């Protein structure tokens, strides 16, 4: 399996080590989850399971963007607070993830964890695609992954 490292602009073989930390930019919680959200987390949950099956300890970190113009605007439309709207949709996201048997190890929230998110990004390399080696030019996923 290869990953595309956007910092070096090169495709690299996925390296196995004793521990891998994956940081997944998660959803902006202004509405119900949809199939695109499910696809994203399923791809990275599958990667986590693959690595663990090969003896690698994995820490999967996912964030919620819980403050954003979309959230503020939707909250105003629905006559509730932005934090109340975010909390409601974070809960439904967890319920949907449970039904899909998906679990991240750690969750970050932009409103409370922005400094931690920044430090993770600063000390990482970013991958924008995981290549499907069985289909040259084909990608399993094309959103950002920050791998520490």
N, C-alpha and C. Protein backbone atom coordinates (compact mmCIF):
# COMPACT_ATOMS: atom_id res chain seq x y z
N UNK A 1 0.85 -1.17 0.00
CA UNK A 1 0.00 0.00 0.00
C UNK A 1 0.90 1.23 0.00
N UNK A 2 0.53 2.21 -0.82
CA UNK A 2 1.30 3.44 -0.89
C UNK A 2 0.46 4.60 -0.40
N UNK A 3 1.16 5.60 0.13
CA UNK A 3 0.52 6.85 0.52
C UNK A 3 1.19 7.99 -0.23
N UNK A 4 0.45 9.04 -0.48
CA UNK A 4 1.00 10.22 -1.15
C UNK A 4 1.31 11.26 -0.08
N UNK A 5 2.58 11.57 0.07
CA UNK A 5 3.04 12.54 1.05
C UNK A 5 3.08 13.91 0.37
N UNK A 6 2.19 14.81 0.78
CA UNK A 6 2.12 16.11 0.12
C UNK A 6 3.28 17.03 0.48
N UNK A 7 3.99 16.75 1.57
CA UNK A 7 5.13 17.60 1.91
C UNK A 7 6.32 17.33 0.99
N UNK A 8 6.47 16.07 0.56
CA UNK A 8 7.57 15.74 -0.35
C UNK A 8 7.07 15.54 -1.77
N UNK A 9 5.75 15.54 -1.95
CA UNK A 9 5.13 15.32 -3.25
C UNK A 9 5.57 13.99 -3.87
N UNK A 10 5.67 12.97 -3.02
CA UNK A 10 6.08 11.64 -3.47
C UNK A 10 5.14 10.59 -2.92
N UNK A 11 5.03 9.50 -3.67
CA UNK A 11 4.31 8.34 -3.18
C UNK A 11 5.29 7.50 -2.39
N UNK A 12 4.85 7.04 -1.22
CA UNK A 12 5.73 6.25 -0.36
C UNK A 12 5.02 4.97 0.05
N UNK A 13 5.81 3.92 0.20
CA UNK A 13 5.27 2.70 0.76
C UNK A 13 4.86 2.99 2.20
N UNK A 14 3.76 2.42 2.62
CA UNK A 14 3.33 2.58 3.99
C UNK A 14 4.33 1.88 4.89
N UNK A 15 4.93 2.65 5.78
CA UNK A 15 5.95 2.10 6.67
C UNK A 15 5.30 1.56 7.93
N UNK A 16 5.75 0.41 8.35
CA UNK A 16 5.24 -0.18 9.57
C UNK A 16 6.22 0.11 10.69
N UNK A 17 5.68 0.48 11.82
CA UNK A 17 6.49 0.71 13.00
C UNK A 17 5.72 0.14 14.18
N UNK A 18 6.28 0.30 15.37
CA UNK A 18 5.59 -0.21 16.55
C UNK A 18 4.30 0.55 16.85
N UNK A 19 4.29 1.85 16.52
CA UNK A 19 3.11 2.66 16.80
C UNK A 19 2.91 3.68 15.68
N UNK A 20 1.67 3.82 15.26
CA UNK A 20 1.30 4.81 14.26
C UNK A 20 0.17 5.64 14.83
N UNK A 21 0.29 6.95 14.67
CA UNK A 21 -0.79 7.85 15.06
C UNK A 21 -1.38 8.44 13.79
N UNK A 22 -2.69 8.35 13.66
CA UNK A 22 -3.39 8.88 12.50
C UNK A 22 -4.30 10.00 12.98
N UNK A 23 -4.18 11.14 12.38
CA UNK A 23 -5.06 12.26 12.69
C UNK A 23 -5.97 12.48 11.50
N UNK A 24 -7.26 12.34 11.72
CA UNK A 24 -8.24 12.46 10.66
C UNK A 24 -9.05 13.74 10.86
N UNK A 25 -9.01 14.61 9.87
CA UNK A 25 -9.86 15.79 9.91
C UNK A 25 -11.30 15.30 9.80
N UNK A 26 -12.06 15.54 10.84
CA UNK A 26 -13.41 15.01 10.92
C UNK A 26 -14.46 15.93 10.34
N UNK A 27 -15.68 15.73 10.79
CA UNK A 27 -16.83 16.41 10.22
C UNK A 27 -17.06 17.77 10.85
N UNK A 28 -17.70 18.65 10.07
CA UNK A 28 -18.23 19.90 10.57
C UNK A 28 -19.68 19.61 10.92
N UNK A 29 -20.00 19.71 12.21
CA UNK A 29 -21.27 19.16 12.71
C UNK A 29 -22.39 20.19 12.71
N UNK A 30 -22.98 20.40 11.53
CA UNK A 30 -24.11 21.31 11.40
C UNK A 30 -25.36 20.61 10.89
N UNK A 31 -25.24 19.28 10.65
CA UNK A 31 -26.37 18.51 10.14
C UNK A 31 -26.11 17.03 10.42
N UNK A 32 -27.05 16.19 10.02
CA UNK A 32 -26.89 14.75 10.19
C UNK A 32 -25.70 14.26 9.36
N UNK A 33 -25.11 13.18 9.80
CA UNK A 33 -24.04 12.54 9.03
C UNK A 33 -24.61 11.99 7.73
N UNK A 34 -23.74 11.87 6.75
CA UNK A 34 -24.18 11.33 5.45
C UNK A 34 -23.16 10.31 4.97
N UNK A 35 -23.39 9.75 3.82
CA UNK A 35 -22.56 8.66 3.31
C UNK A 35 -21.10 9.09 3.11
N UNK A 36 -20.88 10.35 2.79
CA UNK A 36 -19.51 10.85 2.65
C UNK A 36 -18.76 10.81 3.97
N UNK A 37 -19.45 11.15 5.06
CA UNK A 37 -18.82 11.04 6.38
C UNK A 37 -18.50 9.59 6.69
N UNK A 38 -19.46 8.70 6.39
CA UNK A 38 -19.25 7.27 6.66
C UNK A 38 -18.08 6.75 5.85
N UNK A 39 -17.99 7.12 4.58
CA UNK A 39 -16.90 6.65 3.72
C UNK A 39 -15.54 7.04 4.30
N UNK A 40 -15.45 8.29 4.74
CA UNK A 40 -14.18 8.77 5.28
C UNK A 40 -13.73 7.95 6.47
N UNK A 41 -14.59 7.81 7.46
CA UNK A 41 -14.17 7.10 8.67
C UNK A 41 -14.02 5.61 8.41
N UNK A 42 -14.81 5.03 7.51
CA UNK A 42 -14.65 3.60 7.20
C UNK A 42 -13.28 3.34 6.59
N UNK A 43 -12.82 4.21 5.70
CA UNK A 43 -11.50 4.03 5.08
C UNK A 43 -10.41 4.04 6.15
N UNK A 44 -10.46 5.01 7.06
CA UNK A 44 -9.40 5.10 8.06
C UNK A 44 -9.55 4.05 9.16
N UNK A 45 -10.78 3.64 9.45
CA UNK A 45 -10.97 2.54 10.39
C UNK A 45 -10.43 1.24 9.79
N UNK A 46 -10.62 1.05 8.49
CA UNK A 46 -10.08 -0.12 7.80
C UNK A 46 -8.55 -0.09 7.83
N UNK A 47 -7.95 1.08 7.60
CA UNK A 47 -6.50 1.21 7.68
C UNK A 47 -6.04 0.88 9.11
N UNK A 48 -6.74 1.41 10.11
CA UNK A 48 -6.40 1.11 11.50
C UNK A 48 -6.44 -0.38 11.76
N UNK A 49 -7.49 -1.05 11.33
CA UNK A 49 -7.63 -2.50 11.55
C UNK A 49 -6.53 -3.28 10.81
N UNK A 50 -6.19 -2.84 9.60
CA UNK A 50 -5.13 -3.49 8.83
C UNK A 50 -3.80 -3.39 9.57
N UNK A 51 -3.48 -2.19 10.03
CA UNK A 51 -2.22 -2.00 10.75
C UNK A 51 -2.20 -2.82 12.04
N UNK A 52 -3.30 -2.81 12.78
CA UNK A 52 -3.35 -3.59 14.02
C UNK A 52 -3.22 -5.09 13.76
N UNK A 53 -3.81 -5.55 12.66
CA UNK A 53 -3.70 -6.97 12.31
C UNK A 53 -2.26 -7.35 11.96
N UNK A 54 -1.46 -6.36 11.58
CA UNK A 54 -0.05 -6.58 11.28
C UNK A 54 0.86 -6.23 12.45
N UNK A 55 0.29 -6.14 13.64
CA UNK A 55 1.08 -5.96 14.85
C UNK A 55 1.45 -4.53 15.20
N UNK A 56 0.84 -3.56 14.55
CA UNK A 56 1.15 -2.16 14.82
C UNK A 56 0.11 -1.57 15.77
N UNK A 57 0.57 -0.92 16.82
CA UNK A 57 -0.34 -0.21 17.72
C UNK A 57 -0.77 1.07 17.02
N UNK A 58 -2.07 1.35 17.00
CA UNK A 58 -2.58 2.51 16.29
C UNK A 58 -3.38 3.40 17.23
N UNK A 59 -3.11 4.68 17.12
CA UNK A 59 -3.90 5.69 17.81
C UNK A 59 -4.60 6.50 16.73
N UNK A 60 -5.92 6.35 16.62
CA UNK A 60 -6.71 7.06 15.62
C UNK A 60 -7.38 8.25 16.28
N UNK A 61 -6.99 9.44 15.85
CA UNK A 61 -7.50 10.68 16.42
C UNK A 61 -8.37 11.34 15.35
N UNK A 62 -9.55 11.75 15.75
CA UNK A 62 -10.45 12.43 14.82
C UNK A 62 -10.94 13.70 15.47
N UNK A 63 -11.07 14.76 14.66
CA UNK A 63 -11.58 16.00 15.23
C UNK A 63 -12.99 16.29 14.75
N UNK A 64 -13.67 17.10 15.51
CA UNK A 64 -14.95 17.68 15.12
C UNK A 64 -14.73 19.17 14.96
N UNK A 65 -15.15 19.72 13.84
CA UNK A 65 -15.20 21.17 13.70
C UNK A 65 -16.53 21.56 14.29
N UNK A 66 -16.48 22.05 15.52
CA UNK A 66 -17.71 22.35 16.25
C UNK A 66 -17.98 23.85 16.35
N UNK A 67 -17.26 24.64 15.57
CA UNK A 67 -17.57 26.06 15.40
C UNK A 67 -17.18 26.42 13.96
N UNK A 68 -18.13 27.02 13.26
CA UNK A 68 -17.95 27.29 11.83
C UNK A 68 -19.14 28.15 11.38
N UNK A 69 -18.98 28.89 10.31
CA UNK A 69 -20.09 29.70 9.80
C UNK A 69 -21.33 28.86 9.50
N UNK A 70 -21.13 27.66 8.94
CA UNK A 70 -22.27 26.79 8.63
C UNK A 70 -23.04 26.44 9.90
N UNK A 71 -22.31 26.17 10.98
CA UNK A 71 -22.95 25.83 12.26
C UNK A 71 -23.70 27.03 12.81
N UNK A 72 -23.05 28.18 12.80
CA UNK A 72 -23.68 29.41 13.33
C UNK A 72 -24.94 29.74 12.54
N UNK A 73 -24.86 29.68 11.21
CA UNK A 73 -26.02 30.00 10.37
C UNK A 73 -27.16 29.00 10.58
N UNK A 74 -26.84 27.71 10.64
CA UNK A 74 -27.87 26.69 10.85
C UNK A 74 -28.52 26.86 12.22
N UNK A 75 -27.72 27.17 13.23
CA UNK A 75 -28.26 27.37 14.58
C UNK A 75 -29.23 28.55 14.59
N UNK A 76 -28.86 29.63 13.91
CA UNK A 76 -29.77 30.79 13.83
C UNK A 76 -31.07 30.41 13.14
N UNK A 77 -30.97 29.65 12.05
CA UNK A 77 -32.17 29.21 11.32
C UNK A 77 -33.08 28.38 12.22
N UNK A 78 -32.49 27.56 13.08
CA UNK A 78 -33.26 26.65 13.92
C UNK A 78 -33.56 27.22 15.30
N UNK A 79 -33.09 28.45 15.57
CA UNK A 79 -33.38 29.11 16.83
C UNK A 79 -32.73 28.45 18.03
N UNK A 80 -31.49 27.97 17.85
CA UNK A 80 -30.76 27.38 18.98
C UNK A 80 -29.33 27.87 18.98
N UNK A 81 -28.61 27.54 20.02
CA UNK A 81 -27.21 27.98 20.10
C UNK A 81 -26.34 27.12 19.19
N UNK A 82 -25.23 27.69 18.77
CA UNK A 82 -24.29 26.94 17.93
C UNK A 82 -23.74 25.74 18.68
N UNK A 83 -23.44 25.90 19.96
CA UNK A 83 -22.91 24.78 20.73
C UNK A 83 -23.96 23.69 20.92
N UNK A 84 -25.22 24.09 21.09
CA UNK A 84 -26.30 23.10 21.21
C UNK A 84 -26.47 22.30 19.94
N UNK A 85 -26.41 23.00 18.80
CA UNK A 85 -26.52 22.32 17.50
C UNK A 85 -25.36 21.36 17.30
N UNK A 86 -24.14 21.83 17.58
CA UNK A 86 -22.95 20.97 17.43
C UNK A 86 -23.05 19.74 18.31
N UNK A 87 -23.43 19.94 19.56
CA UNK A 87 -23.53 18.82 20.50
C UNK A 87 -24.53 17.78 20.02
N UNK A 88 -25.66 18.24 19.50
CA UNK A 88 -26.71 17.33 19.00
C UNK A 88 -26.16 16.47 17.84
N UNK A 89 -25.48 17.11 16.90
CA UNK A 89 -25.00 16.36 15.73
C UNK A 89 -23.75 15.54 16.03
N UNK A 90 -22.98 15.92 17.03
CA UNK A 90 -21.87 15.07 17.47
C UNK A 90 -22.44 13.78 18.06
N UNK A 91 -23.49 13.90 18.85
CA UNK A 91 -24.12 12.72 19.44
C UNK A 91 -24.65 11.79 18.36
N UNK A 92 -25.32 12.34 17.33
CA UNK A 92 -25.84 11.46 16.27
C UNK A 92 -24.69 10.85 15.46
N UNK A 93 -23.58 11.57 15.33
CA UNK A 93 -22.41 11.01 14.65
C UNK A 93 -21.88 9.80 15.42
N UNK A 94 -21.78 9.92 16.74
CA UNK A 94 -21.34 8.79 17.57
C UNK A 94 -22.30 7.61 17.42
N UNK A 95 -23.59 7.88 17.40
CA UNK A 95 -24.58 6.81 17.23
C UNK A 95 -24.41 6.12 15.88
N UNK A 96 -24.22 6.91 14.83
CA UNK A 96 -24.00 6.33 13.50
C UNK A 96 -22.72 5.52 13.47
N UNK A 97 -21.65 6.02 14.08
CA UNK A 97 -20.38 5.29 14.13
C UNK A 97 -20.53 3.97 14.87
N UNK A 98 -21.28 3.98 15.95
CA UNK A 98 -21.52 2.75 16.70
C UNK A 98 -22.24 1.72 15.83
N UNK A 99 -23.22 2.16 15.06
CA UNK A 99 -23.95 1.23 14.18
C UNK A 99 -23.03 0.66 13.09
N UNK A 100 -22.02 1.42 12.70
CA UNK A 100 -21.06 0.94 11.70
C UNK A 100 -19.88 0.18 12.33
N UNK A 101 -19.89 0.07 13.67
CA UNK A 101 -18.82 -0.60 14.42
C UNK A 101 -17.46 0.06 14.19
N UNK A 102 -17.47 1.39 14.24
CA UNK A 102 -16.26 2.19 14.03
C UNK A 102 -15.95 2.94 15.31
N UNK A 103 -14.65 3.02 15.63
CA UNK A 103 -14.27 3.69 16.85
C UNK A 103 -12.91 4.35 16.69
N UNK A 104 -12.87 5.66 16.88
CA UNK A 104 -11.58 6.35 16.98
C UNK A 104 -11.15 6.26 18.44
N UNK A 105 -9.85 6.36 18.67
CA UNK A 105 -9.35 6.30 20.04
C UNK A 105 -9.54 7.61 20.79
N UNK A 106 -9.33 8.72 20.07
CA UNK A 106 -9.30 10.04 20.70
C UNK A 106 -10.10 11.00 19.82
N UNK A 107 -10.83 11.89 20.47
CA UNK A 107 -11.61 12.90 19.77
C UNK A 107 -11.14 14.28 20.19
N UNK A 108 -10.96 15.16 19.22
CA UNK A 108 -10.62 16.55 19.50
C UNK A 108 -11.77 17.42 19.00
N UNK A 109 -11.96 18.53 19.68
CA UNK A 109 -12.99 19.50 19.32
C UNK A 109 -12.30 20.82 19.07
N UNK A 110 -12.56 21.41 17.91
CA UNK A 110 -11.88 22.64 17.53
C UNK A 110 -12.02 23.70 18.62
N UNK A 111 -13.20 23.82 19.22
CA UNK A 111 -13.41 24.87 20.22
C UNK A 111 -12.54 24.69 21.46
N UNK A 112 -12.18 23.47 21.81
CA UNK A 112 -11.42 23.26 23.03
C UNK A 112 -10.00 22.77 22.83
N UNK A 113 -9.69 22.29 21.64
CA UNK A 113 -8.42 21.60 21.43
C UNK A 113 -7.58 22.18 20.30
N UNK A 114 -7.83 23.41 19.90
CA UNK A 114 -7.13 23.97 18.74
C UNK A 114 -5.62 23.97 18.91
N UNK A 115 -5.11 24.20 20.12
CA UNK A 115 -3.66 24.19 20.31
C UNK A 115 -3.09 22.79 20.11
N UNK A 116 -3.77 21.76 20.59
CA UNK A 116 -3.32 20.39 20.37
C UNK A 116 -3.37 20.03 18.89
N UNK A 117 -4.44 20.45 18.21
CA UNK A 117 -4.56 20.18 16.78
C UNK A 117 -3.41 20.84 16.03
N UNK A 118 -3.09 22.07 16.39
CA UNK A 118 -1.98 22.78 15.76
C UNK A 118 -0.66 22.04 15.97
N UNK A 119 -0.40 21.58 17.19
CA UNK A 119 0.86 20.88 17.48
C UNK A 119 0.95 19.56 16.73
N UNK A 120 -0.16 18.86 16.59
CA UNK A 120 -0.17 17.62 15.82
C UNK A 120 0.20 17.94 14.37
N UNK A 121 -0.44 18.96 13.81
CA UNK A 121 -0.18 19.32 12.41
C UNK A 121 1.26 19.78 12.21
N UNK A 122 1.78 20.54 13.15
CA UNK A 122 3.14 21.08 13.06
C UNK A 122 4.19 19.97 13.06
N UNK A 123 3.93 18.89 13.77
CA UNK A 123 4.91 17.82 13.93
C UNK A 123 4.57 16.59 13.11
N UNK A 124 3.94 16.78 11.96
CA UNK A 124 3.46 15.66 11.15
C UNK A 124 3.80 15.87 9.69
N UNK A 125 3.53 14.83 8.93
CA UNK A 125 3.49 15.02 7.50
C UNK A 125 2.09 14.71 7.03
N UNK A 126 1.68 15.37 5.98
CA UNK A 126 0.30 15.25 5.54
C UNK A 126 0.20 14.36 4.32
N UNK A 127 -0.78 13.51 4.34
CA UNK A 127 -1.04 12.60 3.23
C UNK A 127 -2.41 12.93 2.70
N UNK A 128 -2.51 13.10 1.39
CA UNK A 128 -3.81 13.42 0.83
C UNK A 128 -4.46 12.25 0.12
N UNK A 129 -3.77 11.15 -0.01
CA UNK A 129 -4.39 10.01 -0.68
C UNK A 129 -3.72 8.72 -0.25
N UNK A 130 -4.51 7.68 -0.21
CA UNK A 130 -3.98 6.34 -0.01
C UNK A 130 -4.24 5.60 -1.30
N UNK A 131 -3.17 5.15 -1.94
CA UNK A 131 -3.29 4.54 -3.25
C UNK A 131 -3.68 3.08 -3.14
N UNK A 132 -4.56 2.65 -4.03
CA UNK A 132 -4.94 1.25 -4.14
C UNK A 132 -3.96 0.59 -5.10
N UNK A 133 -3.04 -0.22 -4.55
CA UNK A 133 -2.00 -0.82 -5.40
C UNK A 133 -2.55 -1.81 -6.41
N UNK A 134 -3.77 -2.28 -6.20
CA UNK A 134 -4.38 -3.21 -7.16
C UNK A 134 -4.99 -2.50 -8.35
N UNK A 135 -5.08 -1.20 -8.28
CA UNK A 135 -5.62 -0.41 -9.37
C UNK A 135 -4.77 0.83 -9.54
N UNK A 136 -3.73 0.76 -10.39
CA UNK A 136 -2.82 1.91 -10.55
C UNK A 136 -3.60 3.20 -10.86
N UNK A 137 -3.25 4.23 -10.12
CA UNK A 137 -3.93 5.49 -10.28
C UNK A 137 -5.24 5.56 -9.50
N UNK A 138 -5.63 4.44 -8.89
CA UNK A 138 -6.86 4.40 -8.11
C UNK A 138 -6.58 4.71 -6.65
N UNK A 139 -7.48 5.38 -6.03
CA UNK A 139 -7.27 5.76 -4.64
C UNK A 139 -8.39 5.23 -3.77
N UNK A 140 -8.02 4.77 -2.60
CA UNK A 140 -9.00 4.31 -1.63
C UNK A 140 -9.68 5.50 -0.97
N UNK A 141 -8.94 6.59 -0.83
CA UNK A 141 -9.47 7.76 -0.14
C UNK A 141 -8.68 8.97 -0.57
N UNK A 142 -9.32 10.12 -0.66
CA UNK A 142 -8.60 11.29 -1.15
C UNK A 142 -8.67 12.50 -0.22
N UNK A 143 -9.10 12.31 1.02
CA UNK A 143 -9.08 13.42 1.96
C UNK A 143 -7.79 13.41 2.76
N UNK A 144 -7.58 14.41 3.59
CA UNK A 144 -6.31 14.56 4.28
C UNK A 144 -6.15 13.61 5.45
N UNK A 145 -4.96 13.11 5.59
CA UNK A 145 -4.55 12.32 6.74
C UNK A 145 -3.25 12.90 7.22
N UNK A 146 -3.15 13.18 8.48
CA UNK A 146 -1.89 13.61 9.05
C UNK A 146 -1.37 12.45 9.86
N UNK A 147 -0.21 11.98 9.53
CA UNK A 147 0.36 10.77 10.12
C UNK A 147 1.58 11.16 10.91
N UNK A 148 1.62 10.79 12.17
CA UNK A 148 2.77 11.11 13.01
C UNK A 148 3.63 9.88 13.15
